[in-house]
C-alpha atoms as a PDB file:
ATOM      1  CA  MET A   1      45.117  90.130 -74.077  1.00  0.00           C
ATOM      2  CA  PHE A   2      48.035  91.465 -71.955  1.00  0.00           C
ATOM      3  CA  THR A   3      49.016  91.822 -68.321  1.00  0.00           C
ATOM      4  CA  LYS A   4      51.857  93.762 -66.732  1.00  0.00           C
ATOM      5  CA  LEU A   5      53.650  91.828 -63.999  1.00  0.00           C
ATOM      6  CA  LYS A   6      54.414  93.398 -60.612  1.00  0.00           C
ATOM      7  CA  ASN A   7      58.020  92.292 -60.959  1.00  0.00           C
ATOM      8  CA  THR A   8      60.856  94.070 -62.707  1.00  0.00           C
ATOM      9  CA  PHE A   9      64.183  92.483 -63.605  1.00  0.00           C
ATOM     10  CA  GLU A  10      67.835  93.203 -64.161  1.00  0.00           C
ATOM     11  CA  THR A  11      68.958  92.732 -67.762  1.00  0.00           C
ATOM     12  CA  PRO A  12      70.222  89.145 -67.924  1.00  0.00           C
ATOM     13  CA  ILE A  13      73.536  87.996 -69.282  1.00  0.00           C
ATOM     14  CA  TYR A  14      72.936  85.724 -72.269  1.00  0.00           C
ATOM     15  CA  ILE A  15      74.527  84.302 -75.391  1.00  0.00           C
ATOM     16  CA  VAL A  16      72.777  83.365 -78.605  1.00  0.00           C
ATOM     17  CA  THR A  17      72.950  79.624 -79.220  1.00  0.00           C
ATOM     18  CA  SER A  18      71.079  79.406 -82.535  1.00  0.00           C
ATOM     19  CA  GLY A  19      68.644  81.134 -84.815  1.00  0.00           C
ATOM     20  CA  LEU A  20      64.988  80.269 -84.426  1.00  0.00           C
ATOM     21  CA  LYS A  21      62.562  82.235 -86.586  1.00  0.00           C
ATOM     22  CA  THR A  22      62.952  85.360 -88.635  1.00  0.00           C
ATOM     23  CA  PHE A  23      60.114  87.397 -90.075  1.00  0.00           C
ATOM     24  CA  THR A  24      61.866  90.044 -92.122  1.00  0.00           C
ATOM     25  CA  GLY A  25      61.330  91.859 -95.365  1.00  0.00           C
ATOM     26  CA  THR A  26      63.181  94.657 -97.053  1.00  0.00           C
ATOM     27  CA  GLU A  27      66.741  95.629 -96.240  1.00  0.00           C
ATOM     28  CA  VAL A  28      67.766  99.109 -95.107  1.00  0.00           C
ATOM     29  CA  ASP A  29      71.514  99.776 -95.179  1.00  0.00           C
ATOM     30  CA  GLY A  30      72.154  96.019 -95.406  1.00  0.00           C
ATOM     31  CA  VAL A  31      69.962  95.175 -92.374  1.00  0.00           C
ATOM     32  CA  LYS A  32      66.787  93.132 -92.865  1.00  0.00           C
ATOM     33  CA  GLN A  33      63.750  94.821 -91.334  1.00  0.00           C
ATOM     34  CA  GLY A  34      61.273  92.928 -89.124  1.00  0.00           C
ATOM     35  CA  ILE A  35      61.316  90.533 -86.160  1.00  0.00           C
ATOM     36  CA  ASP A  36      64.099  88.099 -85.339  1.00  0.00           C
ATOM     37  CA  TYR A  37      64.006  85.379 -82.668  1.00  0.00           C
ATOM     38  CA  LYS A  38      67.096  83.547 -81.474  1.00  0.00           C
ATOM     39  CA  LYS A  39      67.482  80.799 -78.877  1.00  0.00           C
ATOM     40  CA  ILE A  40      69.659  81.857 -75.980  1.00  0.00           C
ATOM     41  CA  TRP A  41      71.465  80.415 -72.988  1.00  0.00           C
ATOM     42  CA  SER A  42      71.708  82.458 -69.832  1.00  0.00           C
ATOM     43  CA  PRO A  43      73.324  81.907 -66.444  1.00  0.00           C
ATOM     44  CA  ASP A  44      70.341  83.975 -65.222  1.00  0.00           C
ATOM     45  CA  ALA A  45      67.761  81.590 -66.727  1.00  0.00           C
ATOM     46  CA  GLU A  46      66.583  80.273 -63.360  1.00  0.00           C
ATOM     47  CA  GLN A  47      65.888  83.817 -62.189  1.00  0.00           C
ATOM     48  CA  LEU A  48      63.826  84.490 -65.342  1.00  0.00           C
ATOM     49  CA  TYR A  49      61.917  81.209 -65.078  1.00  0.00           C
ATOM     50  CA  SER A  50      61.276  81.778 -61.350  1.00  0.00           C
ATOM     51  CA  ILE A  51      58.197  83.886 -62.133  1.00  0.00           C
ATOM     52  CA  LEU A  52      56.521  80.587 -63.104  1.00  0.00           C
ATOM     53  CA  PRO A  53      55.865  77.514 -60.957  1.00  0.00           C
ATOM     54  CA  GLU A  54      58.886  75.241 -61.457  1.00  0.00           C
ATOM     55  CA  ARG A  55      56.736  72.323 -62.660  1.00  0.00           C
ATOM     56  CA  TYR A  56      56.027  74.305 -65.875  1.00  0.00           C
ATOM     57  CA  TRP A  57      59.553  75.476 -66.716  1.00  0.00           C
ATOM     58  CA  ASN A  58      60.099  72.816 -69.393  1.00  0.00           C
ATOM     59  CA  ASP A  59      56.981  74.036 -71.215  1.00  0.00           C
ATOM     60  CA  PHE A  60      58.623  77.383 -72.039  1.00  0.00           C
ATOM     61  CA  HIS A  61      61.578  78.259 -74.239  1.00  0.00           C
ATOM     62  CA  LEU A  62      64.004  81.129 -73.721  1.00  0.00           C
ATOM     63  CA  THR A  63      64.687  83.434 -76.672  1.00  0.00           C
ATOM     64  CA  VAL A  64      65.703  86.961 -77.472  1.00  0.00           C
ATOM     65  CA  MET A  65      63.398  88.929 -79.778  1.00  0.00           C
ATOM     66  CA  THR A  66      64.614  91.955 -81.725  1.00  0.00           C
ATOM     67  CA  ILE A  67      62.406  94.304 -83.739  1.00  0.00           C
ATOM     68  CA  ASN A  68      63.725  97.096 -85.927  1.00  0.00           C
ATOM     69  CA  ARG A  69      60.599  98.385 -87.712  1.00  0.00           C
ATOM     70  CA  ARG A  70      56.834  98.748 -87.413  1.00  0.00           C
ATOM     71  CA  ILE A  71      55.235  95.324 -87.114  1.00  0.00           C
ATOM     72  CA  PRO A  72      51.779  95.304 -88.732  1.00  0.00           C
ATOM     73  CA  PRO A  73      48.729  93.728 -87.070  1.00  0.00           C
ATOM     74  CA  HIS A  74      49.302  89.983 -86.848  1.00  0.00           C
ATOM     75  CA  THR A  75      48.927  86.807 -84.844  1.00  0.00           C
ATOM     76  CA  ASP A  76      52.069  84.895 -83.950  1.00  0.00           C
ATOM     77  CA  THR A  77      53.149  81.652 -85.590  1.00  0.00           C
ATOM     78  CA  GLU A  78      53.130  78.500 -83.445  1.00  0.00           C
ATOM     79  CA  ILE A  79      53.701  80.203 -80.092  1.00  0.00           C
ATOM     80  CA  ILE A  80      50.468  80.777 -78.155  1.00  0.00           C
ATOM     81  CA  SER A  81      51.621  82.940 -75.247  1.00  0.00           C
ATOM     82  CA  THR A  82      54.723  84.866 -74.330  1.00  0.00           C
ATOM     83  CA  ILE A  83      56.201  86.609 -71.349  1.00  0.00           C
ATOM     84  CA  ASN A  84      58.380  89.490 -72.535  1.00  0.00           C
ATOM     85  CA  PHE A  85      61.203  90.853 -70.375  1.00  0.00           C
ATOM     86  CA  TYR A  86      61.744  94.193 -72.139  1.00  0.00           C
ATOM     87  CA  ILE A  87      65.356  95.311 -72.444  1.00  0.00           C
ATOM     88  CA  GLU A  88      65.138  98.072 -75.077  1.00  0.00           C
ATOM     89  CA  THR A  89      61.770  99.551 -75.955  1.00  0.00           C
ATOM     90  CA  GLU A  90      62.572 102.543 -78.197  1.00  0.00           C
ATOM     91  CA  ASN A  91      59.266 104.289 -77.487  1.00  0.00           C
ATOM     92  CA  CYS A  92      56.944 101.759 -79.134  1.00  0.00           C
ATOM     93  CA  GLU A  93      53.317 100.945 -78.426  1.00  0.00           C
ATOM     94  CA  THR A  94      51.920  97.418 -78.559  1.00  0.00           C
ATOM     95  CA  VAL A  95      48.355  97.654 -79.862  1.00  0.00           C
ATOM     96  CA  PHE A  96      45.672  94.939 -79.760  1.00  0.00           C
ATOM     97  CA  TYR A  97      42.753  94.899 -82.195  1.00  0.00           C
ATOM     98  CA  LYS A  98      39.374  93.450 -82.982  1.00  0.00           C
ATOM     99  CA  SER A  99      37.934  93.009 -86.452  1.00  0.00           C
ATOM    100  CA  LYS A 100      35.457  95.566 -87.822  1.00  0.00           C
ATOM    101  CA  VAL A 101      34.332  93.111 -90.516  1.00  0.00           C
ATOM    102  CA  ASP A 102      33.056  89.541 -90.554  1.00  0.00           C
ATOM    103  CA  ASN A 103      35.977  88.189 -92.559  1.00  0.00           C
ATOM    104  CA  PRO A 104      39.117  90.293 -92.158  1.00  0.00           C
ATOM    105  CA  ARG A 105      41.601  90.046 -94.997  1.00  0.00           C
ATOM    106  CA  THR A 106      44.778  88.170 -94.106  1.00  0.00           C
ATOM    107  CA  PHE A 107      47.967  86.947 -95.707  1.00  0.00           C
ATOM    108  CA  GLN A 108      51.082  85.115 -94.610  1.00  0.00           C
ATOM    109  CA  ILE A 109      54.748  85.801 -95.131  1.00  0.00           C
ATOM    110  CA  GLU A 110      57.630  83.362 -95.303  1.00  0.00           C
ATOM    111  CA  ASN A 111      57.942  81.244 -92.123  1.00  0.00           C
ATOM    112  CA  GLN A 112      54.364  81.861 -90.977  1.00  0.00           C
ATOM    113  CA  THR A 113      52.443  78.637 -90.399  1.00  0.00           C
ATOM    114  CA  ASP A 114      49.393  79.338 -88.243  1.00  0.00           C
ATOM    115  CA  GLY A 115      49.912  83.086 -87.810  1.00  0.00           C
ATOM    116  CA  TYR A 116      48.578  85.785 -90.124  1.00  0.00           C
ATOM    117  CA  ILE A 117      49.086  89.437 -91.059  1.00  0.00           C
ATOM    118  CA  PHE A 118      45.871  91.481 -91.086  1.00  0.00           C
ATOM    119  CA  MET A 119      44.869  94.492 -93.158  1.00  0.00           C
ATOM    120  CA  ASP A 120      44.783  97.680 -91.044  1.00  0.00           C
ATOM    121  CA  GLU A 121      41.522  98.837 -92.653  1.00  0.00           C
ATOM    122  CA  ASP A 122      39.652  95.774 -91.330  1.00  0.00           C
ATOM    123  CA  LEU A 123      40.597  96.384 -87.692  1.00  0.00           C
ATOM    124  CA  GLU A 124      39.984  98.753 -84.821  1.00  0.00           C
ATOM    125  CA  PRO A 125      42.244  99.149 -81.795  1.00  0.00           C
ATOM    126  CA  VAL A 126      40.839  97.926 -78.465  1.00  0.00           C
ATOM    127  CA  ALA A 127      43.757  98.227 -76.029  1.00  0.00           C
ATOM    128  CA  SER A 128      47.458  99.082 -75.949  1.00  0.00           C
ATOM    129  CA  PHE A 129      50.482  99.484 -73.718  1.00  0.00           C
ATOM    130  CA  ILE A 130      53.895 101.102 -73.849  1.00  0.00           C
ATOM    131  CA  ALA A 131      56.534  98.889 -72.255  1.00  0.00           C
ATOM    132  CA  LYS A 132      59.494 100.376 -70.476  1.00  0.00           C
ATOM    133  CA  PRO A 133      62.899  98.744 -70.029  1.00  0.00           C
ATOM    134  CA  ASN A 134      62.986  96.173 -67.216  1.00  0.00           C
ATOM    135  CA  GLU A 135      59.211  95.643 -67.265  1.00  0.00           C
ATOM    136  CA  ILE A 136      57.671  92.209 -67.755  1.00  0.00           C
ATOM    137  CA  TRP A 137      54.475  91.695 -69.754  1.00  0.00           C
ATOM    138  CA  LEU A 138      52.397  88.601 -70.528  1.00  0.00           C
ATOM    139  CA  LEU A 139      50.849  88.696 -74.007  1.00  0.00           C
ATOM    140  CA  ASP A 140      48.186  86.646 -75.747  1.00  0.00           C
ATOM    141  CA  VAL A 141      49.931  86.460 -79.120  1.00  0.00           C
ATOM    142  CA  LYS A 142      47.035  84.594 -80.736  1.00  0.00           C
ATOM    143  CA  GLU A 143      45.109  87.875 -80.455  1.00  0.00           C
ATOM    144  CA  ILE A 144      45.690  90.399 -83.255  1.00  0.00           C
ATOM    145  CA  HIS A 145      48.420  92.851 -82.217  1.00  0.00           C
ATOM    146  CA  SER A 146      51.009  95.202 -83.704  1.00  0.00           C
ATOM    147  CA  VAL A 147      54.110  97.147 -82.675  1.00  0.00           C
ATOM    148  CA  GLU A 148      53.743 100.833 -83.502  1.00  0.00           C
ATOM    149  CA  PRO A 149      56.742 103.170 -83.283  1.00  0.00           C
ATOM    150  CA  LEU A 150      55.953 106.509 -81.623  1.00  0.00           C
ATOM    151  CA  GLY A 151      58.880 108.074 -83.480  1.00  0.00           C
ATOM    152  CA  ASP A 152      61.958 106.656 -85.145  1.00  0.00           C
ATOM    153  CA  ILE A 153      62.622 103.057 -84.140  1.00  0.00           C
ATOM    154  CA  LYS A 154      66.166 101.795 -83.838  1.00  0.00           C
ATOM    155  CA  LEU A 155      65.734  98.571 -81.927  1.00  0.00           C
ATOM    156  CA  ARG A 156      63.236  96.904 -79.627  1.00  0.00           C
ATOM    157  CA  LYS A 157      64.590  93.974 -77.685  1.00  0.00           C
ATOM    158  CA  ALA A 158      63.117  91.538 -75.173  1.00  0.00           C
ATOM    159  CA  VAL A 159      64.095  88.246 -73.632  1.00  0.00           C
ATOM    160  CA  THR A 160      61.038  86.018 -73.948  1.00  0.00           C
ATOM    161  CA  LEU A 161      59.611  82.961 -72.269  1.00  0.00           C
ATOM    162  CA  GLY A 162      57.308  81.544 -74.910  1.00  0.00           C
ATOM    163  CA  SER A 163      54.992  78.570 -74.772  1.00  0.00           C
ATOM    164  CA  PHE A 164      53.643  76.332 -77.494  1.00  0.00           C
ATOM    165  CA  LYS A 165      51.585  74.514 -74.864  1.00  0.00           C
ATOM    166  CA  HIS A 166      49.942  76.991 -72.462  1.00  0.00           C
ATOM    167  CA  ASP A 167      47.566  79.728 -73.584  1.00  0.00           C
ATOM    168  CA  TYR A 168      47.340  83.206 -72.095  1.00  0.00           C
ATOM    169  CA  ASN A 169      44.748  82.290 -69.458  1.00  0.00           C
ATOM    170  CA  ALA A 170      46.742  79.271 -68.257  1.00  0.00           C
ATOM    171  CA  VAL A 171      49.952  81.318 -67.999  1.00  0.00           C
ATOM    172  CA  ARG A 172      48.086  84.112 -66.216  1.00  0.00           C
ATOM    173  CA  ALA A 173      46.919  81.545 -63.635  1.00  0.00           C
ATOM    174  CA  MET A 174      50.546  80.403 -63.210  1.00  0.00           C
ATOM    175  CA  LEU A 175      51.671  83.976 -62.601  1.00  0.00           C
ATOM    176  CA  GLU A 176      48.863  84.447 -60.063  1.00  0.00           C
ATOM    177  CA  GLU A 177      50.081  81.281 -58.295  1.00  0.00           C
ATOM    178  CA  THR A 178      53.579  82.740 -57.942  1.00  0.00           C
ATOM    179  CA  GLY A 179      52.237  86.149 -56.875  1.00  0.00           C
ATOM    180  CA  CYS A 180      53.652  87.992 -59.897  1.00  0.00           C
ATOM    181  CA  ILE A 181      50.327  89.596 -60.866  1.00  0.00           C
END
């Protein structure tokens, strides 16, 4: 589901190289609300990747994720695990769920392929965490999860190492190998 790493990090220097995926809806004051992922380049990339055994580095991509609203319960599209290096957290809780019903209701929004949004009424929370800046967390993003503001949310930002190839358990084993958990 999720694991906090022993390590902390210094906010890396990075530049956005291209857009990747955007899951946004309504606009507030001309700003689309939701999640935005962008590919980045960083002179600090090797330091970020160093939490993983080097033989796996090519199996992960480096992005920056920004969130500016509540993100309802969902599973991620395409990516199967992520390591989030939290930069700005804005007092949000990441909540994981299980279904209370046999067939939870789902729908997809634009850009979702194998991920889904779930109806709150069909779920019950099972675990959660509140990330702080400079903390690193491994998440199983194929499990149902949400981002819940604990007040007004301005921006939540994390540099991410995401994998389309390695699931949560495999990445957890990698982090154990490097002594990060």
